[in-house]
Amino acid sequence: MNQNPNPVQVNLIQQKLSLDSQFKSGVNWFFWIAGLSLVNSVIYLAGGSLNFVVGLGATQFIDGLVSGVAQELGGGMIVRVLGFGLDLVVAGIFVGFGILARKKQRWAVFLGMIVYVLDGLIFLAVGEFLAVIFHAWALYGLWRGQQAMQALQAFEASNAPSEPAATFASD
């Protein structure tokens, strides 16, 4: 028996998949921000000077502060490792925003965006305009993810079955 799929159902599934993809792509920025910040911190810890502009200004500020304290102490690898621990906490906050955002907690997206704007002010204060531009780009991605989340939630609400599906108990 040849059964053709219902075009309306196929269209609904395609819409849901598209919204879900946009949503995940947007809120995944939190994970990229955290990950690239930690890469910057590992590079710093290893003595390198390369960094990613999408990373966090807060972790770079911590690394710079730790560098000054470490020089005062004549090397201070323990201070550098403690600084890296602080970097892990800051990046972990962004991972937390990402996890909560993936669970469709819109407040987490908005709070994360506010924190990221404040972080961007660090770069603005020191004149790192390329980093400010990348912060704006990441914020745009997060905003689009939040918009897709809102549309996805509305889509799911409007296409939910009106009655719960029947369940059959085994005798």
N, C-alpha and C. Protein backbone atom coordinates (compact mmCIF):
# COMPACT_ATOMS: atom_id res chain seq x y z
N MET A 1 0.84 -1.16 0.00
CA MET A 1 0.00 0.00 0.00
C MET A 1 0.90 1.24 0.00
N ASN A 2 0.62 2.15 -0.91
CA ASN A 2 1.42 3.36 -1.04
C ASN A 2 0.72 4.50 -0.31
N GLN A 3 1.35 5.01 0.75
CA GLN A 3 0.79 6.13 1.48
C GLN A 3 1.68 7.34 1.29
N ASN A 4 1.11 8.37 0.71
CA ASN A 4 1.85 9.62 0.54
C ASN A 4 1.72 10.44 1.81
N PRO A 5 2.79 11.07 2.22
CA PRO A 5 2.70 11.89 3.44
C PRO A 5 1.78 13.08 3.20
N ASN A 6 1.14 13.48 4.25
CA ASN A 6 0.25 14.64 4.21
C ASN A 6 1.11 15.89 4.04
N PRO A 7 0.90 16.66 2.97
CA PRO A 7 1.74 17.84 2.73
C PRO A 7 1.68 18.87 3.86
N VAL A 8 0.54 18.99 4.50
CA VAL A 8 0.41 19.94 5.61
C VAL A 8 1.30 19.49 6.77
N GLN A 9 1.28 18.20 7.07
CA GLN A 9 2.11 17.67 8.16
C GLN A 9 3.59 17.81 7.83
N VAL A 10 3.94 17.54 6.58
CA VAL A 10 5.34 17.68 6.16
C VAL A 10 5.78 19.13 6.33
N ASN A 11 4.94 20.07 5.93
CA ASN A 11 5.26 21.49 6.07
C ASN A 11 5.44 21.87 7.54
N LEU A 12 4.55 21.38 8.40
CA LEU A 12 4.67 21.67 9.84
C LEU A 12 5.97 21.12 10.42
N ILE A 13 6.31 19.92 10.02
CA ILE A 13 7.56 19.31 10.51
C ILE A 13 8.76 20.11 10.03
N GLN A 14 8.74 20.54 8.78
CA GLN A 14 9.84 21.34 8.25
C GLN A 14 9.97 22.67 8.99
N GLN A 15 8.82 23.31 9.27
CA GLN A 15 8.85 24.57 10.02
C GLN A 15 9.44 24.36 11.41
N LYS A 16 9.01 23.30 12.08
CA LYS A 16 9.51 23.02 13.44
C LYS A 16 11.02 22.75 13.42
N LEU A 17 11.46 21.95 12.46
CA LEU A 17 12.89 21.65 12.37
C LEU A 17 13.71 22.90 12.07
N SER A 18 13.19 23.76 11.21
CA SER A 18 13.89 25.01 10.89
C SER A 18 14.00 25.91 12.12
N LEU A 19 12.90 26.08 12.85
CA LEU A 19 12.92 26.89 14.06
C LEU A 19 13.85 26.30 15.11
N ASP A 20 13.81 24.99 15.25
CA ASP A 20 14.67 24.33 16.23
C ASP A 20 16.15 24.52 15.89
N SER A 21 16.46 24.44 14.61
CA SER A 21 17.84 24.64 14.16
C SER A 21 18.30 26.08 14.43
N GLN A 22 17.44 27.07 14.12
CA GLN A 22 17.77 28.47 14.37
C GLN A 22 17.95 28.72 15.87
N PHE A 23 17.08 28.13 16.66
CA PHE A 23 17.14 28.28 18.11
C PHE A 23 18.46 27.75 18.66
N LYS A 24 18.79 26.52 18.30
CA LYS A 24 20.03 25.91 18.82
C LYS A 24 21.26 26.64 18.32
N SER A 25 21.24 27.04 17.06
CA SER A 25 22.37 27.78 16.50
C SER A 25 22.59 29.08 17.26
N GLY A 26 21.52 29.76 17.61
CA GLY A 26 21.63 31.02 18.34
C GLY A 26 22.15 30.85 19.75
N VAL A 27 21.52 29.95 20.51
CA VAL A 27 21.93 29.83 21.92
C VAL A 27 23.26 29.11 22.08
N ASN A 28 23.70 28.41 21.03
CA ASN A 28 25.03 27.78 21.10
C ASN A 28 26.15 28.79 21.20
N TRP A 29 25.84 30.06 20.90
CA TRP A 29 26.86 31.09 21.07
C TRP A 29 27.40 31.10 22.49
N PHE A 30 26.59 30.79 23.48
CA PHE A 30 27.09 30.77 24.86
C PHE A 30 28.23 29.77 25.00
N PHE A 31 28.11 28.61 24.37
CA PHE A 31 29.15 27.59 24.45
C PHE A 31 30.41 28.03 23.70
N TRP A 32 30.24 28.68 22.54
CA TRP A 32 31.39 29.18 21.79
C TRP A 32 32.13 30.25 22.58
N ILE A 33 31.38 31.15 23.20
CA ILE A 33 31.99 32.22 23.99
C ILE A 33 32.81 31.62 25.13
N ALA A 34 32.22 30.68 25.85
CA ALA A 34 32.92 30.04 26.97
C ALA A 34 34.15 29.27 26.48
N GLY A 35 33.95 28.49 25.44
CA GLY A 35 35.06 27.66 24.94
C GLY A 35 36.23 28.47 24.43
N LEU A 36 35.95 29.50 23.63
CA LEU A 36 37.05 30.30 23.09
C LEU A 36 37.73 31.12 24.18
N SER A 37 36.97 31.50 25.20
CA SER A 37 37.58 32.20 26.34
C SER A 37 38.56 31.29 27.06
N LEU A 38 38.18 30.03 27.23
CA LEU A 38 39.09 29.09 27.89
C LEU A 38 40.30 28.78 27.03
N VAL A 39 40.09 28.72 25.71
CA VAL A 39 41.25 28.53 24.83
C VAL A 39 42.21 29.71 25.00
N ASN A 40 41.66 30.94 25.05
CA ASN A 40 42.51 32.11 25.29
C ASN A 40 43.28 31.96 26.60
N SER A 41 42.60 31.50 27.63
CA SER A 41 43.24 31.38 28.95
C SER A 41 44.30 30.29 28.96
N VAL A 42 44.07 29.19 28.26
CA VAL A 42 45.08 28.13 28.17
C VAL A 42 46.30 28.64 27.41
N ILE A 43 46.06 29.37 26.33
CA ILE A 43 47.18 29.95 25.57
C ILE A 43 47.98 30.89 26.48
N TYR A 44 47.28 31.72 27.24
CA TYR A 44 47.95 32.63 28.17
C TYR A 44 48.76 31.84 29.21
N LEU A 45 48.12 30.81 29.78
CA LEU A 45 48.77 30.00 30.81
C LEU A 45 50.04 29.34 30.27
N ALA A 46 50.01 28.99 28.98
CA ALA A 46 51.17 28.36 28.35
C ALA A 46 52.22 29.38 27.91
N GLY A 47 51.93 30.67 28.11
CA GLY A 47 52.91 31.69 27.77
C GLY A 47 52.72 32.33 26.40
N GLY A 48 51.64 31.99 25.72
CA GLY A 48 51.38 32.56 24.39
C GLY A 48 50.71 33.91 24.48
N SER A 49 50.59 34.57 23.32
CA SER A 49 49.97 35.89 23.30
C SER A 49 48.79 35.97 22.33
N LEU A 50 48.49 34.90 21.62
CA LEU A 50 47.37 34.85 20.68
C LEU A 50 46.06 34.77 21.46
N ASN A 51 45.00 35.43 20.96
CA ASN A 51 43.69 35.26 21.59
C ASN A 51 42.58 35.45 20.57
N PHE A 52 41.41 34.89 20.91
CA PHE A 52 40.23 35.00 20.06
C PHE A 52 39.42 36.19 20.53
N VAL A 53 38.98 37.02 19.58
CA VAL A 53 38.26 38.22 19.94
C VAL A 53 36.84 37.93 20.42
N VAL A 54 36.32 36.73 20.16
CA VAL A 54 34.97 36.40 20.61
C VAL A 54 34.98 36.01 22.08
N GLY A 55 36.15 35.77 22.63
CA GLY A 55 36.26 35.40 24.03
C GLY A 55 35.81 36.51 24.96
N LEU A 56 35.86 36.22 26.22
CA LEU A 56 35.38 37.14 27.24
C LEU A 56 36.48 38.13 27.67
N GLY A 57 36.08 39.38 27.79
CA GLY A 57 36.98 40.40 28.33
C GLY A 57 37.28 40.13 29.78
N ALA A 58 36.32 39.57 30.51
CA ALA A 58 36.51 39.29 31.94
C ALA A 58 37.65 38.30 32.16
N THR A 59 37.72 37.25 31.32
CA THR A 59 38.80 36.28 31.50
C THR A 59 40.14 36.89 31.11
N GLN A 60 40.13 37.74 30.08
CA GLN A 60 41.38 38.40 29.70
C GLN A 60 41.81 39.40 30.76
N PHE A 61 40.85 40.06 31.39
CA PHE A 61 41.17 40.97 32.50
C PHE A 61 41.78 40.17 33.65
N ILE A 62 41.18 39.03 33.98
CA ILE A 62 41.72 38.17 35.05
C ILE A 62 43.14 37.75 34.70
N ASP A 63 43.35 37.33 33.45
CA ASP A 63 44.68 36.88 33.03
C ASP A 63 45.70 38.01 33.12
N GLY A 64 45.30 39.21 32.74
CA GLY A 64 46.21 40.36 32.84
C GLY A 64 46.54 40.70 34.28
N LEU A 65 45.54 40.66 35.15
CA LEU A 65 45.74 40.93 36.57
C LEU A 65 46.66 39.88 37.18
N VAL A 66 46.38 38.64 36.85
CA VAL A 66 47.20 37.54 37.37
C VAL A 66 48.63 37.66 36.86
N SER A 67 48.79 38.09 35.62
CA SER A 67 50.13 38.26 35.06
C SER A 67 50.93 39.28 35.87
N GLY A 68 50.29 40.39 36.22
CA GLY A 68 50.97 41.41 37.03
C GLY A 68 51.34 40.89 38.39
N VAL A 69 50.43 40.17 39.04
CA VAL A 69 50.71 39.61 40.37
C VAL A 69 51.82 38.56 40.26
N ALA A 70 51.76 37.74 39.22
CA ALA A 70 52.78 36.69 39.04
C ALA A 70 54.16 37.31 38.83
N GLN A 71 54.26 38.40 38.09
CA GLN A 71 55.54 39.07 37.88
C GLN A 71 56.09 39.64 39.19
N GLU A 72 55.18 40.18 40.02
CA GLU A 72 55.58 40.71 41.32
C GLU A 72 56.15 39.60 42.20
N LEU A 73 55.62 38.39 42.04
CA LEU A 73 56.06 37.26 42.87
C LEU A 73 57.19 36.47 42.24
N GLY A 74 57.66 36.92 41.07
CA GLY A 74 58.79 36.24 40.42
C GLY A 74 58.39 34.94 39.75
N GLY A 75 57.40 34.95 38.95
CA GLY A 75 56.96 33.75 38.22
C GLY A 75 55.54 33.40 38.58
N GLY A 76 55.36 32.95 39.79
CA GLY A 76 54.05 32.70 40.35
C GLY A 76 53.13 31.78 39.57
N MET A 77 53.61 30.57 39.25
CA MET A 77 52.76 29.62 38.53
C MET A 77 51.51 29.29 39.33
N ILE A 78 51.60 29.26 40.63
CA ILE A 78 50.42 28.98 41.46
C ILE A 78 49.38 30.08 41.26
N VAL A 79 49.83 31.33 41.18
CA VAL A 79 48.92 32.45 40.95
C VAL A 79 48.26 32.31 39.58
N ARG A 80 49.04 31.91 38.59
CA ARG A 80 48.49 31.72 37.24
C ARG A 80 47.44 30.61 37.23
N VAL A 81 47.69 29.54 37.93
CA VAL A 81 46.73 28.42 37.99
C VAL A 81 45.46 28.86 38.73
N LEU A 82 45.63 29.64 39.80
CA LEU A 82 44.45 30.17 40.50
C LEU A 82 43.65 31.10 39.59
N GLY A 83 44.35 31.90 38.81
CA GLY A 83 43.69 32.76 37.84
C GLY A 83 42.92 31.95 36.81
N PHE A 84 43.51 30.84 36.38
CA PHE A 84 42.82 29.95 35.45
C PHE A 84 41.56 29.37 36.09
N GLY A 85 41.63 29.09 37.37
CA GLY A 85 40.44 28.63 38.10
C GLY A 85 39.32 29.66 38.04
N LEU A 86 39.68 30.94 38.20
CA LEU A 86 38.69 32.01 38.07
C LEU A 86 38.14 32.08 36.65
N ASP A 87 39.03 31.88 35.68
CA ASP A 87 38.57 31.85 34.29
C ASP A 87 37.56 30.73 34.07
N LEU A 88 37.82 29.58 34.68
CA LEU A 88 36.88 28.46 34.58
C LEU A 88 35.51 28.81 35.15
N VAL A 89 35.51 29.54 36.26
CA VAL A 89 34.24 29.95 36.88
C VAL A 89 33.48 30.87 35.94
N VAL A 90 34.17 31.87 35.39
CA VAL A 90 33.52 32.83 34.50
C VAL A 90 32.99 32.12 33.25
N ALA A 91 33.81 31.28 32.64
CA ALA A 91 33.36 30.54 31.46
C ALA A 91 32.23 29.59 31.83
N GLY A 92 32.30 29.01 33.01
CA GLY A 92 31.25 28.11 33.47
C GLY A 92 29.90 28.79 33.59
N ILE A 93 29.92 30.06 33.93
CA ILE A 93 28.67 30.83 33.99
C ILE A 93 28.03 30.88 32.60
N PHE A 94 28.85 31.08 31.57
CA PHE A 94 28.32 31.10 30.21
C PHE A 94 27.87 29.72 29.75
N VAL A 95 28.55 28.69 30.17
CA VAL A 95 28.07 27.34 29.88
C VAL A 95 26.71 27.13 30.55
N GLY A 96 26.58 27.61 31.77
CA GLY A 96 25.29 27.52 32.47
C GLY A 96 24.19 28.25 31.72
N PHE A 97 24.50 29.45 31.21
CA PHE A 97 23.51 30.17 30.40
C PHE A 97 23.12 29.34 29.18
N GLY A 98 24.11 28.70 28.57
CA GLY A 98 23.83 27.88 27.39
C GLY A 98 22.95 26.69 27.71
N ILE A 99 23.25 26.03 28.82
CA ILE A 99 22.44 24.86 29.22
C ILE A 99 21.00 25.28 29.51
N LEU A 100 20.85 26.35 30.26
CA LEU A 100 19.49 26.83 30.58
C LEU A 100 18.77 27.32 29.33
N ALA A 101 19.50 27.97 28.44
CA ALA A 101 18.89 28.43 27.19
C ALA A 101 18.42 27.24 26.36
N ARG A 102 19.22 26.17 26.31
CA ARG A 102 18.83 24.96 25.58
C ARG A 102 17.57 24.34 26.16
N LYS A 103 17.31 24.61 27.45
CA LYS A 103 16.08 24.13 28.09
C LYS A 103 14.94 25.14 27.92
N LYS A 104 15.17 26.09 27.02
CA LYS A 104 14.18 27.12 26.66
C LYS A 104 13.82 28.04 27.82
N GLN A 105 14.81 28.38 28.62
CA GLN A 105 14.64 29.35 29.68
C GLN A 105 15.05 30.71 29.12
N ARG A 106 14.05 31.47 28.65
CA ARG A 106 14.34 32.75 27.99
C ARG A 106 15.06 33.72 28.91
N TRP A 107 14.76 33.69 30.20
CA TRP A 107 15.41 34.61 31.14
C TRP A 107 16.92 34.39 31.12
N ALA A 108 17.36 33.14 30.94
CA ALA A 108 18.79 32.84 30.91
C ALA A 108 19.45 33.48 29.69
N VAL A 109 18.74 33.48 28.57
CA VAL A 109 19.28 34.10 27.36
C VAL A 109 19.43 35.61 27.59
N PHE A 110 18.37 36.23 28.11
CA PHE A 110 18.42 37.67 28.34
C PHE A 110 19.49 38.05 29.37
N LEU A 111 19.56 37.31 30.47
CA LEU A 111 20.58 37.60 31.48
C LEU A 111 21.97 37.39 30.91
N GLY A 112 22.16 36.31 30.17
CA GLY A 112 23.45 36.06 29.54
C GLY A 112 23.85 37.15 28.56
N MET A 113 22.86 37.66 27.83
CA MET A 113 23.14 38.75 26.90
C MET A 113 23.54 40.02 27.65
N ILE A 114 22.87 40.29 28.76
CA ILE A 114 23.22 41.47 29.57
C ILE A 114 24.64 41.34 30.10
N VAL A 115 24.97 40.18 30.61
CA VAL A 115 26.33 39.95 31.13
C VAL A 115 27.35 40.09 30.00
N TYR A 116 27.01 39.60 28.81
CA TYR A 116 27.93 39.69 27.68
C TYR A 116 28.10 41.14 27.21
N VAL A 117 27.03 41.93 27.28
CA VAL A 117 27.15 43.36 26.96
C VAL A 117 28.11 44.03 27.94
N LEU A 118 27.93 43.73 29.23
CA LEU A 118 28.83 44.29 30.25
C LEU A 118 30.27 43.86 29.99
N ASP A 119 30.44 42.62 29.57
CA ASP A 119 31.77 42.12 29.24
C ASP A 119 32.35 42.89 28.05
N GLY A 120 31.51 43.19 27.08
CA GLY A 120 31.96 43.95 25.92
C GLY A 120 32.43 45.35 26.28
N LEU A 121 31.87 45.89 27.36
CA LEU A 121 32.30 47.22 27.81
C LEU A 121 33.77 47.22 28.25
N ILE A 122 34.25 46.07 28.70
CA ILE A 122 35.68 45.95 29.05
C ILE A 122 36.52 46.22 27.81
N PHE A 123 36.15 45.59 26.70
CA PHE A 123 36.90 45.80 25.45
C PHE A 123 36.75 47.23 24.94
N LEU A 124 35.54 47.77 25.08
CA LEU A 124 35.31 49.14 24.65
C LEU A 124 36.19 50.10 25.45
N ALA A 125 36.31 49.85 26.75
CA ALA A 125 37.10 50.72 27.63
C ALA A 125 38.58 50.73 27.25
N VAL A 126 39.08 49.61 26.74
CA VAL A 126 40.50 49.55 26.39
C VAL A 126 40.73 49.74 24.89
N GLY A 127 39.66 50.05 24.16
CA GLY A 127 39.81 50.36 22.73
C GLY A 127 40.02 49.16 21.83
N GLU A 128 39.58 47.99 22.24
CA GLU A 128 39.68 46.78 21.41
C GLU A 128 38.40 46.67 20.57
N PHE A 129 38.35 47.48 19.51
CA PHE A 129 37.12 47.62 18.74
C PHE A 129 36.76 46.36 17.95
N LEU A 130 37.74 45.59 17.52
CA LEU A 130 37.44 44.33 16.83
C LEU A 130 36.70 43.38 17.77
N ALA A 131 37.12 43.33 19.02
CA ALA A 131 36.44 42.49 20.01
C ALA A 131 35.03 43.02 20.28
N VAL A 132 34.86 44.32 20.28
CA VAL A 132 33.53 44.91 20.47
C VAL A 132 32.62 44.51 19.32
N ILE A 133 33.15 44.55 18.10
CA ILE A 133 32.36 44.17 16.92
C ILE A 133 31.96 42.69 17.01
N PHE A 134 32.89 41.85 17.42
CA PHE A 134 32.55 40.42 17.56
C PHE A 134 31.56 40.18 18.69
N HIS A 135 31.65 40.97 19.75
CA HIS A 135 30.64 40.88 20.82
C HIS A 135 29.26 41.22 20.24
N ALA A 136 29.21 42.27 19.44
CA ALA A 136 27.94 42.66 18.83
C ALA A 136 27.41 41.55 17.92
N TRP A 137 28.29 40.92 17.17
CA TRP A 137 27.90 39.82 16.28
C TRP A 137 27.37 38.63 17.08
N ALA A 138 28.06 38.28 18.15
CA ALA A 138 27.61 37.17 19.02
C ALA A 138 26.27 37.53 19.67
N LEU A 139 26.12 38.77 20.10
CA LEU A 139 24.86 39.20 20.69
C LEU A 139 23.72 39.11 19.68
N TYR A 140 23.99 39.44 18.44
CA TYR A 140 22.99 39.31 17.38
C TYR A 140 22.60 37.83 17.22
N GLY A 141 23.59 36.95 17.24
CA GLY A 141 23.30 35.52 17.16
C GLY A 141 22.46 35.04 18.33
N LEU A 142 22.79 35.50 19.53
CA LEU A 142 22.00 35.14 20.70
C LEU A 142 20.58 35.68 20.60
N TRP A 143 20.45 36.91 20.12
CA TRP A 143 19.13 37.52 19.95
C TRP A 143 18.28 36.70 18.96
N ARG A 144 18.92 36.30 17.85
CA ARG A 144 18.20 35.48 16.86
C ARG A 144 17.80 34.13 17.46
N GLY A 145 18.65 33.57 18.29
CA GLY A 145 18.31 32.32 18.96
C GLY A 145 17.13 32.48 19.89
N GLN A 146 17.10 33.60 20.61
CA GLN A 146 15.99 33.90 21.51
C GLN A 146 14.71 34.09 20.72
N GLN A 147 14.78 34.78 19.59
CA GLN A 147 13.60 34.98 18.75
C GLN A 147 13.09 33.64 18.22
N ALA A 148 14.00 32.78 17.79
CA ALA A 148 13.61 31.46 17.29
C ALA A 148 13.00 30.63 18.42
N MET A 149 13.55 30.76 19.64
CA MET A 149 12.99 30.05 20.79
C MET A 149 11.55 30.48 21.01
N GLN A 150 11.31 31.78 20.97
CA GLN A 150 9.96 32.31 21.18
C GLN A 150 9.02 31.80 20.08
N ALA A 151 9.47 31.84 18.84
CA ALA A 151 8.64 31.36 17.73
C ALA A 151 8.40 29.85 17.84
N LEU A 152 9.41 29.11 18.27
CA LEU A 152 9.28 27.66 18.43
C LEU A 152 8.27 27.33 19.52
N GLN A 153 8.34 28.05 20.64
CA GLN A 153 7.38 27.82 21.72
C GLN A 153 5.96 28.14 21.27
N ALA A 154 5.78 29.22 20.51
CA ALA A 154 4.46 29.58 20.00
C ALA A 154 3.98 28.53 18.99
N PHE A 155 4.89 28.07 18.15
CA PHE A 155 4.56 27.04 17.16
C PHE A 155 4.11 25.76 17.85
N GLU A 156 4.88 25.35 18.87
CA GLU A 156 4.54 24.12 19.59
C GLU A 156 3.20 24.25 20.31
N ALA A 157 2.94 25.44 20.87
CA ALA A 157 1.68 25.66 21.57
C ALA A 157 0.50 25.63 20.60
N SER A 158 0.66 26.21 19.43
CA SER A 158 -0.45 26.28 18.48
C SER A 158 -0.67 24.97 17.75
N ASN A 159 0.32 24.09 17.73
CA ASN A 159 0.18 22.82 17.02
C ASN A 159 0.10 21.63 17.96
N ALA A 160 -0.11 21.91 19.25
CA ALA A 160 -0.25 20.82 20.22
C ALA A 160 -1.61 20.17 20.03
N PRO A 161 -1.69 18.87 20.23
CA PRO A 161 -3.00 18.22 20.12
C PRO A 161 -3.97 18.78 21.15
N SER A 162 -5.23 18.92 20.77
CA SER A 162 -6.21 19.51 21.67
C SER A 162 -6.58 18.58 22.81
N GLU A 163 -6.45 17.28 22.60
CA GLU A 163 -6.75 16.32 23.66
C GLU A 163 -5.52 15.46 23.87
N PRO A 164 -5.29 15.03 25.11
CA PRO A 164 -4.15 14.15 25.32
C PRO A 164 -4.34 12.84 24.57
N ALA A 165 -3.24 12.29 24.12
CA ALA A 165 -3.31 11.02 23.40
C ALA A 165 -3.81 9.93 24.34
N ALA A 166 -4.58 9.05 23.79
CA ALA A 166 -5.13 7.94 24.59
C ALA A 166 -4.02 6.97 24.95
N THR A 167 -4.04 6.50 26.14
CA THR A 167 -3.07 5.49 26.58
C THR A 167 -3.78 4.21 26.86
N PHE A 168 -3.15 3.14 26.56
CA PHE A 168 -3.76 1.83 26.77
C PHE A 168 -3.01 1.12 27.87
N ALA A 169 -3.73 0.67 28.86
CA ALA A 169 -3.11 -0.08 29.95
C ALA A 169 -3.20 -1.54 29.62
N SER A 170 -2.15 -2.26 29.91
CA SER A 170 -2.19 -3.69 29.68
C SER A 170 -2.87 -4.35 30.86
N ASP A 171 -3.73 -5.32 30.54
CA ASP A 171 -4.50 -6.02 31.58
C ASP A 171 -3.70 -7.07 32.26
